[in-house]
Amino acid sequence: MLPRSGPAEPPASVGRFIHITDLHIDPSYREGSTTYSQCHRQPPHGAAADGDGHRRTGVFGIPRVKCDSPPALINATRDHLRLEWGDKTDFVLWTGDSGRHDGDAEMPRTFDEIIEQNRIAANAMRHAFPAHVPIVPNIGNNDVSPHNELPAPGHKRARRTFAQLARAWKDLVPSDQLKTFHYGGYFAKDVMLASRSEKATLGRRGLTALSLNTMYWYRANAKVGGCKAKDSPGLAQIAWIRYQIRRARERGHDLILIGHVSPDAENYRPTCYGGYARTVTQLVPPPSLMGADPAANYSAQQQQLPAIHAQLFGHSNVDVWSFIGQDISALAEEDLNNSSGGDSRGRLWWEREVDEETGRFGKLIRQIWSADATPAANQSTAVDEDSGMLANDNDDGRILGETLWENMVDDNENDVLAPNKALPSDYVDKLIKEFERVLMLKSRHPRLGVTTISPSIIPKFVPSFRVFCYARAPIKGKWWRQQQNQQQELSLSQMLLPSGTLLDYDVYWANIAQHNKQVESGSGVAKSEFFQRLYRFSSEYRLPDLSPDSYLKWARKLVESKKLRKRFRSLAYLEPAY
């Protein structure tokens, strides 16, 4: 993926990072067990080895069944990452669901078990990568107990979940973000720093990852409501994103957003989806393929820094991407606002509170969200390590959030929405229909972001992960295309790509069916060869980079070509691996 040399730019201007998701570690997995038993027990006496749901499992798991990841698969993944990528990776984004599924009625999982599986996963990550490589963890819907249920901040179970996960992950959550994480399960972490001289001479910018707690937007979480009420934990997290955008602007940083459940109208409650889309796409310039000039786009991006360079998610186990933006949301802006309209600058009430640090969100900034928050001389503040909540003696003795948010549910939104237990059979068809809607938007200059779902380690299809390539410093688009031996018509290729721009990615997969046979035959599997590259984005889709322009160009081709749609579906379910 990375060029070995370049005539115009040094190789150091391009770097790699890894996105890995959904490990679903199952220490109770048993080789030779049946898929019928969630891979926990031997088949009944006299049962066929391969039939009636009694397919026998191998040492590394079995693809395309409802079993979780055996320890051997996690260990092989750890060893492969250490040998092949440990010293070649700038940072690692790990988007949750390390706990096993709770699908075996004879072996119900416990909260302590979930925490232990997260500890095992965190240790595997530390073993795979040198200490200087930032690793950014994230909460998945199977990292809480019961799965899909996480009460609002202040609730005893939420406090315990955040405190125990912080312990399991140890130093992976920055110390200056522990108050925020203990409070809401989200945090910010720098993954690339730039010195003052690098910013001045090379145009480099720092890069910060925001680890989002998507459980507070997820429809399947019946313990919280939507993002309309002032006391909504989902709205508070959206406000926190806006605050982090402001901090990034002040620090000269750009952002990458990561989470577990991807944002779309089916996964998120309507007001949460709308608020998230409004917040993240305000920094996205109009794409040129929708009628704007690319040079104007770049100018707009410079003016609106920080940029959000990526939104990366897991959960669905598939290898897809989609668009997000207010223009494709059916949500009316008034649904986000408890009063009609905004202020003279077009800000909603909560946006104004964040910007001016007033009201409830101003209080959250001062007491919890500020990385350098310090109590005033006449205040006594402390964080309870077990509860993770900040108490303030001058705040009527109440722990912020404890009373107002406990068991809070927004009665104005449908709270009995069925969880998405499995991908619908027409999942890819629905994505293609979404692409058609995007291409037919009435707005000439919509603000669209791209959300990417990476395939998982759990062999729901096949164990996989992504290796992304990005610009550490501004590079010339033309130079980058030359390194890929690409000749692009897009005028954007002549432009300077800002630091942080995502350029390409590779998908790596493990042929565990073959690896199982190798182990059974006694030949073994080389650790460095456990994962192999399945495909490269730029070569497969013939696109120059991972910008919204490139994705829009591909969406148009996809909508117009039955052959390409078939290929997209095949890649989504990792079928080329067979």
Protein backbone atom coordinates (compact mmCIF):
# COMPACT_ATOMS: atom_id res chain seq x y z
CA MET A 1 0.00 0.00 0.00
CA LEU A 2 2.68 2.48 0.96
CA PRO A 3 5.03 3.71 -1.75
CA ARG A 4 8.64 2.66 -1.23
CA SER A 5 9.91 5.90 -2.66
CA GLY A 6 8.56 8.95 -4.36
CA PRO A 7 10.05 11.56 -6.62
CA ALA A 8 8.19 14.50 -5.10
CA GLU A 9 7.43 13.50 -1.51
CA PRO A 10 9.30 11.44 1.10
CA PRO A 11 7.70 8.13 2.15
CA ALA A 12 7.45 9.50 5.70
CA SER A 13 4.54 11.68 4.56
CA VAL A 14 2.30 8.59 4.32
CA GLY A 15 1.40 6.32 7.23
CA ARG A 16 -0.74 3.34 8.18
CA PHE A 17 -3.27 2.58 10.87
CA ILE A 18 -5.34 -0.52 11.63
CA HIS A 19 -9.07 -0.79 12.24
CA ILE A 20 -10.00 -4.01 14.06
CA THR A 21 -13.42 -4.82 15.45
CA ASP A 22 -15.73 -7.44 17.02
CA LEU A 23 -13.29 -9.92 18.54
CA HIS A 24 -16.06 -11.66 20.56
CA ILE A 25 -13.67 -13.76 22.62
CA ASP A 26 -15.12 -17.04 23.88
CA PRO A 27 -12.86 -18.87 26.36
CA SER A 28 -15.53 -21.61 26.56
CA TYR A 29 -15.15 -22.49 22.88
CA ARG A 30 -14.32 -26.18 22.43
CA GLU A 31 -12.63 -27.67 19.40
CA GLY A 32 -14.73 -30.54 18.04
CA SER A 33 -17.91 -29.15 19.58
CA THR A 34 -21.12 -28.53 17.66
CA THR A 35 -22.34 -25.29 16.15
CA TYR A 36 -25.75 -26.16 17.61
CA SER A 37 -24.31 -25.65 21.11
CA GLN A 38 -22.68 -22.31 20.23
CA CYS A 39 -19.45 -24.33 19.92
CA HIS A 40 -19.47 -25.21 23.62
CA ARG A 41 -20.34 -28.94 23.76
CA GLN A 42 -19.73 -32.23 21.98
CA PRO A 43 -22.55 -33.66 19.84
CA PRO A 44 -25.05 -36.03 21.45
CA HIS A 45 -24.02 -39.67 21.44
CA GLY A 46 -24.65 -41.20 18.03
CA ALA A 47 -25.29 -37.86 16.27
CA ALA A 48 -23.81 -37.32 12.82
CA ALA A 49 -20.61 -35.30 12.80
CA ASP A 50 -21.89 -32.93 10.11
CA GLY A 51 -25.63 -32.61 10.08
CA ASP A 52 -28.73 -31.52 11.97
CA GLY A 53 -26.90 -28.47 13.31
CA HIS A 54 -24.03 -30.59 14.64
CA ARG A 55 -21.25 -29.32 12.40
CA ARG A 56 -17.96 -29.95 14.16
CA THR A 57 -15.67 -27.04 14.88
CA GLY A 58 -11.97 -26.58 14.22
CA VAL A 59 -9.23 -25.09 16.36
CA PHE A 60 -9.53 -21.60 14.80
CA GLY A 61 -13.33 -21.56 14.63
CA ILE A 62 -15.69 -22.19 11.76
CA PRO A 63 -16.75 -19.58 9.19
CA ARG A 64 -20.32 -18.42 8.64
CA VAL A 65 -21.89 -19.85 11.78
CA LYS A 66 -23.17 -18.33 15.02
CA CYS A 67 -20.14 -19.16 17.13
CA ASP A 68 -17.71 -16.71 18.70
CA SER A 69 -13.93 -16.51 18.43
CA PRO A 70 -11.90 -19.30 20.05
CA PRO A 71 -8.78 -18.36 22.04
CA ALA A 72 -6.62 -19.89 19.28
CA LEU A 73 -8.00 -17.39 16.76
CA ILE A 74 -7.36 -14.45 19.10
CA ASN A 75 -3.81 -15.64 19.80
CA ALA A 76 -3.10 -16.16 16.09
CA THR A 77 -4.47 -12.68 15.32
CA ARG A 78 -2.30 -11.16 18.05
CA ASP A 79 0.84 -12.93 16.81
CA HIS A 80 0.21 -12.02 13.18
CA LEU A 81 -0.33 -8.35 14.03
CA ARG A 82 2.86 -8.30 16.11
CA LEU A 83 5.01 -9.89 13.39
CA GLU A 84 3.55 -8.16 10.34
CA TRP A 85 2.23 -4.82 11.55
CA GLY A 86 3.63 -4.06 14.99
CA ASP A 87 6.41 -1.75 13.78
CA LYS A 88 4.57 -0.54 10.65
CA THR A 89 1.49 0.95 12.29
CA ASP A 90 1.01 4.48 13.57
CA PHE A 91 -2.08 3.73 15.67
CA VAL A 92 -4.86 1.17 16.17
CA LEU A 93 -8.63 1.75 16.28
CA TRP A 94 -10.50 -1.05 18.07
CA THR A 95 -14.27 -0.60 17.85
CA GLY A 96 -15.69 -2.83 20.55
CA ASP A 97 -17.57 -6.06 21.14
CA SER A 98 -14.82 -8.06 22.79
CA GLY A 99 -17.32 -9.96 24.94
CA ARG A 100 -18.90 -13.16 23.64
CA HIS A 101 -22.55 -13.33 22.65
CA ASP A 102 -25.08 -14.49 25.19
CA GLY A 103 -26.67 -17.12 22.94
CA ASP A 104 -26.16 -20.30 24.98
CA ALA A 105 -28.99 -20.81 27.47
CA GLU A 106 -26.94 -23.45 29.28
CA MET A 107 -24.03 -21.07 29.75
CA PRO A 108 -25.33 -17.53 30.38
CA ARG A 109 -22.59 -14.97 30.46
CA THR A 110 -21.88 -12.71 33.44
CA PHE A 111 -20.74 -9.13 33.79
CA ASP A 112 -17.40 -10.25 35.25
CA GLU A 113 -16.89 -12.52 32.26
CA ILE A 114 -17.41 -9.59 29.87
CA ILE A 115 -14.85 -7.51 31.74
CA GLU A 116 -12.36 -10.39 31.71
CA GLN A 117 -12.78 -10.81 27.95
CA ASN A 118 -12.10 -7.10 27.49
CA ARG A 119 -8.99 -7.47 29.64
CA ILE A 120 -7.80 -10.37 27.47
CA ALA A 121 -8.43 -8.32 24.32
CA ALA A 122 -6.58 -5.29 25.69
CA ASN A 123 -3.59 -7.45 26.64
CA ALA A 124 -3.57 -8.98 23.16
CA MET A 125 -3.46 -5.50 21.63
CA ARG A 126 -0.62 -4.43 23.91
CA HIS A 127 1.31 -7.58 23.00
CA ALA A 128 0.80 -6.97 19.28
CA PHE A 129 1.98 -3.36 19.15
CA PRO A 130 4.88 -1.42 20.69
CA ALA A 131 4.13 0.76 23.68
CA HIS A 132 4.43 3.97 21.64
CA VAL A 133 1.59 2.97 19.27
CA PRO A 134 -1.72 4.51 20.46
CA ILE A 135 -4.56 1.98 20.81
CA VAL A 136 -8.08 3.42 21.01
CA PRO A 137 -10.72 1.06 22.49
CA ASN A 138 -14.48 1.41 22.23
CA ILE A 139 -17.65 0.08 23.88
CA GLY A 140 -19.81 -2.36 21.93
CA ASN A 141 -23.32 -3.59 22.59
CA ASN A 142 -21.88 -6.90 23.84
CA ASP A 143 -19.48 -5.17 26.23
CA VAL A 144 -22.39 -4.36 28.54
CA SER A 145 -24.65 -6.64 30.56
CA PRO A 146 -27.32 -7.50 29.61
CA HIS A 147 -26.30 -6.96 26.00
CA ASN A 148 -27.88 -3.90 24.34
CA GLU A 149 -28.74 -2.41 27.74
CA LEU A 150 -26.84 0.56 29.15
CA PRO A 151 -28.61 2.99 31.48
CA ALA A 152 -27.94 6.72 31.45
CA PRO A 153 -24.98 8.29 33.26
CA GLY A 154 -25.53 8.31 37.00
CA HIS A 155 -27.20 4.92 37.09
CA LYS A 156 -25.33 2.40 39.25
CA ARG A 157 -24.96 -0.10 36.42
CA ALA A 158 -23.58 2.52 34.03
CA ARG A 159 -21.07 3.72 36.63
CA ARG A 160 -19.92 0.17 37.29
CA THR A 161 -19.62 -0.64 33.57
CA PHE A 162 -17.45 2.38 32.79
CA ALA A 163 -15.26 1.94 35.87
CA GLN A 164 -14.62 -1.77 35.24
CA LEU A 165 -13.94 -1.30 31.52
CA ALA A 166 -11.45 1.45 32.35
CA ARG A 167 -9.67 -1.00 34.65
CA ALA A 168 -9.74 -3.77 32.03
CA TRP A 169 -8.27 -1.46 29.40
CA LYS A 170 -5.84 0.06 31.92
CA ASP A 171 -3.83 2.86 30.33
CA LEU A 172 -5.62 2.79 26.94
CA VAL A 173 -7.95 5.59 28.09
CA PRO A 174 -5.80 8.74 28.62
CA SER A 175 -5.63 9.87 32.22
CA ASP A 176 -6.94 13.33 31.30
CA GLN A 177 -10.04 11.68 29.77
CA LEU A 178 -10.93 9.36 32.66
CA LYS A 179 -13.52 11.74 34.12
CA THR A 180 -15.29 11.90 30.77
CA PHE A 181 -15.09 8.14 30.24
CA HIS A 182 -16.28 7.29 33.75
CA TYR A 183 -19.17 9.66 33.17
CA GLY A 184 -20.45 8.71 29.70
CA GLY A 185 -18.28 5.95 28.21
CA TYR A 186 -16.72 8.17 25.52
CA PHE A 187 -13.33 9.88 25.35
CA ALA A 188 -10.77 11.59 23.09
CA LYS A 189 -7.25 10.35 22.39
CA ASP A 190 -4.46 11.88 20.33
CA VAL A 191 -3.13 9.43 17.75
CA MET A 192 -0.78 11.75 15.87
CA LEU A 193 0.95 14.86 17.20
CA ALA A 194 2.53 17.68 15.23
CA SER A 195 5.07 20.09 16.64
CA ARG A 196 4.77 23.82 16.11
CA SER A 197 7.60 23.72 13.56
CA GLU A 198 5.99 20.79 11.69
CA LYS A 199 2.73 22.71 11.50
CA ALA A 200 4.54 25.78 10.19
CA THR A 201 6.96 24.17 7.74
CA LEU A 202 5.23 20.95 6.66
CA GLY A 203 1.58 21.89 7.12
CA ARG A 204 1.09 18.91 9.41
CA ARG A 205 -1.81 18.84 11.82
CA GLY A 206 -2.38 16.65 14.84
CA LEU A 207 -4.96 13.90 14.67
CA THR A 208 -7.35 13.00 17.50
CA ALA A 209 -9.65 9.98 17.68
CA LEU A 210 -13.03 10.37 19.36
CA SER A 211 -14.20 7.05 20.81
CA LEU A 212 -18.00 7.30 20.84
CA ASN A 213 -20.46 5.43 23.04
CA THR A 214 -23.04 4.51 20.42
CA MET A 215 -25.16 2.73 23.04
CA TYR A 216 -26.70 6.10 23.91
CA TRP A 217 -28.03 6.46 20.33
CA TYR A 218 -28.84 2.81 19.62
CA ARG A 219 -32.50 1.93 19.13
CA ALA A 220 -32.06 -1.46 20.78
CA ASN A 221 -31.00 0.14 24.08
CA ALA A 222 -34.35 0.47 25.84
CA LYS A 223 -32.73 2.05 28.92
CA VAL A 224 -32.47 5.49 27.34
CA GLY A 225 -34.64 7.51 24.98
CA GLY A 226 -33.92 9.78 22.05
CA CYS A 227 -31.89 12.97 21.76
CA LYS A 228 -34.63 15.58 22.06
CA ALA A 229 -34.91 16.03 25.82
CA LYS A 230 -32.51 18.41 27.56
CA ASP A 231 -31.46 15.63 29.90
CA SER A 232 -30.81 13.10 27.13
CA PRO A 233 -27.44 11.31 27.45
CA GLY A 234 -27.45 10.91 23.66
CA LEU A 235 -27.78 14.66 23.14
CA ALA A 236 -25.06 15.24 25.73
CA GLN A 237 -22.67 13.09 23.72
CA ILE A 238 -23.49 15.01 20.53
CA ALA A 239 -22.78 18.21 22.45
CA TRP A 240 -19.47 16.66 23.59
CA ILE A 241 -18.54 16.05 19.93
CA ARG A 242 -19.18 19.74 19.22
CA TYR A 243 -17.00 20.64 22.19
CA GLN A 244 -14.22 18.36 20.91
CA ILE A 245 -14.46 19.99 17.48
CA ARG A 246 -13.87 23.35 19.14
CA ARG A 247 -10.90 21.98 21.10
CA ALA A 248 -9.44 20.46 17.94
CA ARG A 249 -9.70 23.81 16.18
CA GLU A 250 -7.87 25.50 19.03
CA ARG A 251 -5.13 22.84 19.05
CA GLY A 252 -4.64 22.56 15.30
CA HIS A 253 -5.92 18.98 15.20
CA ASP A 254 -8.21 17.05 12.87
CA LEU A 255 -10.53 14.23 13.94
CA ILE A 256 -11.34 10.59 13.34
CA LEU A 257 -14.61 9.35 14.84
CA ILE A 258 -14.95 5.71 15.87
CA GLY A 259 -17.85 3.79 17.34
CA HIS A 260 -19.43 0.37 17.42
CA VAL A 261 -22.92 0.68 15.91
CA SER A 262 -22.87 2.64 12.67
CA PRO A 263 -25.10 5.72 12.27
CA ASP A 264 -28.14 5.20 10.08
CA ALA A 265 -31.86 5.70 10.37
CA GLU A 266 -32.46 2.07 11.38
CA ASN A 267 -29.71 1.74 14.00
CA TYR A 268 -30.13 5.13 15.71
CA ARG A 269 -33.17 6.82 17.18
CA PRO A 270 -34.36 9.52 14.75
CA THR A 271 -33.41 12.55 16.86
CA CYS A 272 -30.00 11.02 17.66
CA TYR A 273 -29.28 10.25 14.02
CA GLY A 274 -30.31 13.75 13.00
CA GLY A 275 -28.25 15.43 15.71
CA TYR A 276 -25.18 13.34 14.92
CA ALA A 277 -25.51 13.98 11.17
CA ARG A 278 -25.95 17.72 11.69
CA THR A 279 -22.88 17.94 13.92
CA VAL A 280 -20.39 15.89 11.93
CA THR A 281 -21.33 17.12 8.46
CA GLN A 282 -21.01 20.81 9.29
CA LEU A 283 -17.27 20.33 8.69
CA VAL A 284 -17.64 18.59 5.33
CA PRO A 285 -17.32 20.78 2.21
CA PRO A 286 -19.77 20.15 -0.65
CA PRO A 287 -18.46 17.36 -2.90
CA SER A 288 -17.39 18.41 -6.39
CA LEU A 289 -19.32 15.61 -8.05
CA MET A 290 -22.55 17.19 -6.88
CA GLY A 291 -21.75 20.34 -8.84
CA ALA A 292 -19.19 22.31 -6.81
CA ASP A 293 -15.65 23.20 -7.86
CA PRO A 294 -12.92 21.00 -6.28
CA ALA A 295 -10.62 23.96 -5.69
CA ALA A 296 -13.43 25.73 -3.87
CA ASN A 297 -13.95 22.59 -1.81
CA TYR A 298 -10.37 22.60 -0.65
CA SER A 299 -10.55 26.28 0.22
CA ALA A 300 -13.73 25.62 2.20
CA GLN A 301 -12.06 22.74 3.99
CA GLN A 302 -9.13 24.94 4.97
CA GLN A 303 -11.49 27.57 6.33
CA GLN A 304 -13.60 25.07 8.27
CA LEU A 305 -10.81 23.09 9.89
CA PRO A 306 -10.74 20.86 11.84
CA ALA A 307 -11.80 18.23 9.34
CA ILE A 308 -13.39 14.92 10.23
CA HIS A 309 -11.33 12.59 8.07
CA ALA A 310 -13.06 9.31 8.89
CA GLN A 311 -16.02 7.74 10.68
CA LEU A 312 -15.26 4.08 11.36
CA PHE A 313 -17.61 1.50 12.88
CA GLY A 314 -18.09 -2.24 13.39
CA HIS A 315 -21.00 -4.33 14.71
CA SER A 316 -22.46 -5.56 11.40
CA ASN A 317 -19.52 -7.84 10.48
CA VAL A 318 -19.76 -6.78 6.83
CA ASP A 319 -17.38 -4.80 4.63
CA VAL A 320 -19.40 -1.78 3.43
CA TRP A 321 -19.71 1.99 3.52
CA SER A 322 -22.56 4.47 3.34
CA PHE A 323 -23.32 8.17 3.38
CA ILE A 324 -24.53 10.32 6.24
CA GLY A 325 -25.91 13.84 6.11
CA GLN A 326 -28.86 15.99 6.99
CA ASP A 327 -29.92 15.99 3.38
CA ILE A 328 -30.67 12.26 3.46
CA SER A 329 -32.33 12.27 6.88
CA ALA A 330 -36.10 12.54 7.04
CA LEU A 331 -35.69 14.30 10.38
CA ALA A 332 -36.91 17.87 10.61
CA GLU A 333 -34.46 20.20 12.30
CA GLU A 334 -37.15 21.25 14.77
CA ASP A 335 -37.09 17.75 16.24
CA LEU A 336 -33.65 18.50 17.60
CA ASN A 337 -34.73 21.71 19.19
CA ASN A 338 -37.12 22.21 22.06
CA SER A 339 -37.98 25.62 20.67
CA SER A 340 -38.52 26.68 17.07
CA GLY A 341 -35.60 27.97 15.05
CA GLY A 342 -32.09 28.88 16.12
CA ASP A 343 -30.22 32.01 17.10
CA SER A 344 -28.85 34.64 14.71
CA ARG A 345 -25.94 32.34 13.84
CA GLY A 346 -28.22 29.41 13.10
CA ARG A 347 -27.27 27.57 16.28
CA LEU A 348 -29.69 25.42 18.20
CA TRP A 349 -30.02 25.96 21.95
CA TRP A 350 -27.61 23.15 22.87
CA GLU A 351 -25.03 24.29 20.31
CA ARG A 352 -25.13 27.76 21.85
CA GLU A 353 -24.67 26.30 25.34
CA VAL A 354 -21.58 24.38 24.19
CA ASP A 355 -20.07 27.36 22.36
CA GLU A 356 -20.68 29.82 25.19
CA GLU A 357 -20.24 27.28 28.02
CA THR A 358 -23.56 28.15 29.60
CA GLY A 359 -26.42 26.08 30.95
CA ARG A 360 -26.19 22.34 31.50
CA PHE A 361 -23.62 21.67 28.81
CA GLY A 362 -21.43 24.51 30.00
CA LYS A 363 -21.50 22.85 33.42
CA LEU A 364 -20.51 19.50 31.92
CA ILE A 365 -17.60 21.15 30.10
CA ARG A 366 -16.29 22.83 33.24
CA GLN A 367 -16.75 19.91 35.60
CA ILE A 368 -16.16 16.81 33.49
CA TRP A 369 -15.36 17.20 29.79
CA SER A 370 -12.44 19.66 30.00
CA ALA A 371 -9.22 17.64 29.80
CA ASP A 372 -7.55 20.28 31.96
CA ALA A 373 -10.55 20.96 34.19
CA THR A 374 -9.47 22.23 37.60
CA PRO A 375 -11.75 23.20 40.48
CA ALA A 376 -12.04 26.83 41.44
CA ALA A 377 -10.46 27.95 44.72
CA ASN A 378 -13.76 27.84 46.58
CA GLN A 379 -14.80 24.46 45.23
CA SER A 380 -14.04 20.95 46.32
CA THR A 381 -14.20 18.42 43.50
CA ALA A 382 -13.36 14.75 43.36
CA VAL A 383 -13.97 11.71 41.20
CA ASP A 384 -15.14 8.52 42.86
CA GLU A 385 -13.05 5.75 41.30
CA ASP A 386 -15.87 3.23 41.56
CA SER A 387 -18.71 5.46 40.45
CA GLY A 388 -16.73 7.55 38.00
CA MET A 389 -18.94 10.53 38.81
CA LEU A 390 -17.81 13.98 39.75
CA ALA A 391 -19.28 15.45 42.91
CA ASN A 392 -19.21 19.16 43.67
CA ASP A 393 -19.78 20.47 47.19
CA ASN A 394 -21.14 23.76 45.82
CA ASP A 395 -23.68 21.99 43.57
CA ASP A 396 -26.46 21.31 46.09
CA GLY A 397 -24.73 18.04 47.03
CA ARG A 398 -25.97 16.22 43.95
CA ILE A 399 -23.75 14.17 41.67
CA LEU A 400 -24.22 15.63 38.23
CA GLY A 401 -26.59 13.41 36.28
CA GLU A 402 -27.50 11.07 39.13
CA THR A 403 -31.01 12.37 39.66
CA LEU A 404 -31.88 13.91 36.34
CA TRP A 405 -30.76 11.11 34.03
CA GLU A 406 -31.39 7.94 36.01
CA ASN A 407 -33.92 5.79 34.14
CA MET A 408 -34.62 8.70 31.80
CA VAL A 409 -36.72 7.74 28.78
CA ASP A 410 -38.04 10.11 26.12
CA ASP A 411 -41.74 9.34 25.85
CA ASN A 412 -41.99 11.31 22.62
CA GLU A 413 -40.03 8.67 20.68
CA ASN A 414 -40.83 5.05 19.97
CA ASP A 415 -38.99 3.18 22.70
CA VAL A 416 -40.22 -0.28 21.79
CA LEU A 417 -38.35 -0.50 18.53
CA ALA A 418 -37.17 -4.00 17.75
CA PRO A 419 -33.39 -4.43 17.86
CA ASN A 420 -31.55 -5.33 14.68
CA LYS A 421 -30.66 -8.90 15.65
CA ALA A 422 -29.31 -9.83 12.21
CA LEU A 423 -28.57 -8.24 8.89
CA PRO A 424 -31.58 -8.34 6.57
CA SER A 425 -31.16 -10.43 3.43
CA ASP A 426 -31.48 -7.30 1.32
CA TYR A 427 -28.90 -5.31 3.33
CA VAL A 428 -26.79 -4.45 0.30
CA ASP A 429 -29.89 -3.67 -1.78
CA LYS A 430 -30.94 -1.15 0.87
CA LEU A 431 -27.51 0.49 0.69
CA ILE A 432 -27.75 0.78 -3.08
CA LYS A 433 -31.18 2.38 -2.77
CA GLU A 434 -29.65 4.85 -0.34
CA PHE A 435 -26.96 5.66 -2.91
CA GLU A 436 -29.71 6.32 -5.46
CA ARG A 437 -31.39 8.76 -3.07
CA VAL A 438 -28.10 10.57 -2.47
CA LEU A 439 -27.48 10.96 -6.19
CA MET A 440 -31.00 12.36 -6.67
CA LEU A 441 -30.84 14.96 -3.90
CA LYS A 442 -32.50 18.25 -4.76
CA SER A 443 -29.84 20.20 -2.88
CA ARG A 444 -27.01 20.98 -5.30
CA HIS A 445 -24.39 21.16 -2.58
CA PRO A 446 -25.36 18.68 0.14
CA ARG A 447 -23.00 18.12 3.03
CA LEU A 448 -22.31 14.42 3.13
CA GLY A 449 -20.00 12.35 5.25
CA VAL A 450 -18.94 8.77 4.66
CA THR A 451 -19.28 6.10 7.34
CA THR A 452 -17.28 2.91 6.97
CA ILE A 453 -18.11 -0.47 8.50
CA SER A 454 -15.15 -2.81 8.75
CA PRO A 455 -15.39 -6.61 8.74
CA SER A 456 -14.83 -8.43 12.01
CA ILE A 457 -12.47 -10.91 13.63
CA ILE A 458 -15.36 -13.14 14.74
CA PRO A 459 -15.93 -15.58 11.86
CA LYS A 460 -19.50 -14.51 11.15
CA PHE A 461 -18.18 -14.52 7.59
CA VAL A 462 -14.37 -14.82 7.78
CA PRO A 463 -11.94 -13.18 10.27
CA SER A 464 -10.85 -9.88 8.74
CA PHE A 465 -9.45 -6.43 9.50
CA ARG A 466 -8.53 -3.29 7.56
CA VAL A 467 -5.21 -1.51 7.16
CA PHE A 468 -5.71 2.14 6.20
CA CYS A 469 -3.23 4.41 4.49
CA TYR A 470 -3.36 8.14 5.30
CA ALA A 471 -1.41 11.35 4.74
CA ARG A 472 0.80 12.22 7.71
CA ALA A 473 1.56 15.55 6.05
CA PRO A 474 0.05 17.34 3.04
CA ILE A 475 0.92 15.51 -0.19
CA LYS A 476 0.26 16.21 -3.83
CA GLY A 477 -2.60 14.17 -5.16
CA LYS A 478 -0.81 13.67 -8.46
CA TRP A 479 2.22 12.19 -6.69
CA TRP A 480 0.06 9.78 -4.74
CA ARG A 481 -1.67 8.54 -7.91
CA GLN A 482 1.73 7.96 -9.52
CA GLN A 483 2.76 5.73 -6.62
CA GLN A 484 -0.34 3.64 -7.29
CA ASN A 485 0.26 3.69 -11.05
CA GLN A 486 -3.11 5.38 -11.48
CA GLN A 487 -4.06 7.93 -14.10
CA GLN A 488 -7.08 9.79 -12.81
CA GLU A 489 -9.26 12.24 -14.70
CA LEU A 490 -10.52 13.79 -11.50
CA SER A 491 -9.12 17.31 -11.16
CA LEU A 492 -8.84 16.71 -7.43
CA SER A 493 -5.75 14.57 -8.18
CA GLN A 494 -3.84 17.74 -9.01
CA MET A 495 -4.56 19.24 -5.62
CA LEU A 496 -2.71 19.18 -2.32
CA LEU A 497 -4.27 16.59 -0.02
CA PRO A 498 -4.30 17.82 3.62
CA SER A 499 -2.65 15.84 6.39
CA GLY A 500 -5.00 13.24 7.82
CA THR A 501 -6.62 12.51 4.45
CA LEU A 502 -7.48 8.83 4.06
CA LEU A 503 -5.87 7.54 0.88
CA ASP A 504 -6.52 3.82 0.62
CA TYR A 505 -7.14 0.63 2.55
CA ASP A 506 -6.45 -3.10 2.31
CA VAL A 507 -8.73 -5.82 3.68
CA TYR A 508 -6.93 -8.83 5.20
CA TRP A 509 -8.63 -12.16 5.86
CA ALA A 510 -7.81 -15.48 7.52
CA ASN A 511 -8.69 -18.70 5.72
CA ILE A 512 -9.54 -20.53 8.93
CA ALA A 513 -11.09 -23.49 7.09
CA GLN A 514 -7.73 -24.15 5.45
CA HIS A 515 -5.80 -23.34 8.63
CA ASN A 516 -7.88 -25.89 10.57
CA LYS A 517 -6.98 -28.57 8.03
CA GLN A 518 -3.30 -27.64 8.25
CA VAL A 519 -3.35 -28.06 12.01
CA GLU A 520 -5.21 -31.38 11.75
CA SER A 521 -2.62 -32.66 9.27
CA GLY A 522 0.22 -31.61 11.54
CA SER A 523 1.73 -29.09 9.12
CA GLY A 524 0.82 -26.02 11.19
CA VAL A 525 0.31 -22.41 10.10
CA ALA A 526 3.02 -19.74 9.84
CA LYS A 527 2.09 -16.86 12.16
CA SER A 528 3.13 -14.25 9.61
CA GLU A 529 0.88 -15.84 6.96
CA PHE A 530 -2.23 -16.34 9.06
CA PHE A 531 -3.91 -13.33 7.39
CA GLN A 532 -3.57 -12.58 3.69
CA ARG A 533 -4.65 -9.55 1.69
CA LEU A 534 -8.07 -10.02 0.12
CA TYR A 535 -8.25 -6.80 -1.90
CA ARG A 536 -7.14 -3.16 -2.08
CA PHE A 537 -9.76 -0.42 -2.30
CA SER A 538 -8.05 1.69 -4.99
CA SER A 539 -7.38 -1.31 -7.24
CA GLU A 540 -10.77 -2.94 -6.75
CA TYR A 541 -12.87 0.20 -7.19
CA ARG A 542 -10.39 2.16 -9.37
CA LEU A 543 -10.64 5.29 -7.23
CA PRO A 544 -7.89 7.71 -6.20
CA ASP A 545 -8.59 8.06 -2.46
CA LEU A 546 -11.21 7.74 0.26
CA SER A 547 -12.73 11.21 -0.05
CA PRO A 548 -16.51 11.75 -0.29
CA ASP A 549 -15.87 12.66 -3.94
CA SER A 550 -14.43 9.22 -4.62
CA TYR A 551 -17.26 7.46 -2.80
CA LEU A 552 -19.85 9.47 -4.71
CA LYS A 553 -18.16 8.61 -7.98
CA TRP A 554 -18.25 4.93 -7.08
CA ALA A 555 -21.89 5.15 -5.93
CA ARG A 556 -22.86 6.51 -9.33
CA LYS A 557 -21.07 3.66 -11.11
CA LEU A 558 -22.64 1.17 -8.73
CA VAL A 559 -26.16 2.38 -9.35
CA GLU A 560 -25.66 2.20 -13.11
CA SER A 561 -23.95 -1.19 -13.37
CA LYS A 562 -25.48 -4.55 -12.46
CA LYS A 563 -22.03 -6.16 -12.69
CA LEU A 564 -20.57 -3.72 -10.17
CA ARG A 565 -23.50 -4.21 -7.81
CA LYS A 566 -22.86 -7.94 -7.88
CA ARG A 567 -19.20 -7.33 -7.07
CA PHE A 568 -20.06 -4.92 -4.27
CA ARG A 569 -22.38 -7.51 -2.72
CA SER A 570 -19.68 -10.16 -3.00
CA LEU A 571 -17.11 -7.97 -1.24
CA ALA A 572 -19.60 -6.90 1.44
CA TYR A 573 -19.97 -10.51 2.59
CA LEU A 574 -16.29 -11.34 1.94
CA GLU A 575 -17.28 -13.95 -0.62
CA PRO A 576 -14.08 -13.62 -2.72
CA ALA A 577 -12.34 -15.32 0.20
CA TYR A 578 -13.92 -18.61 -0.92
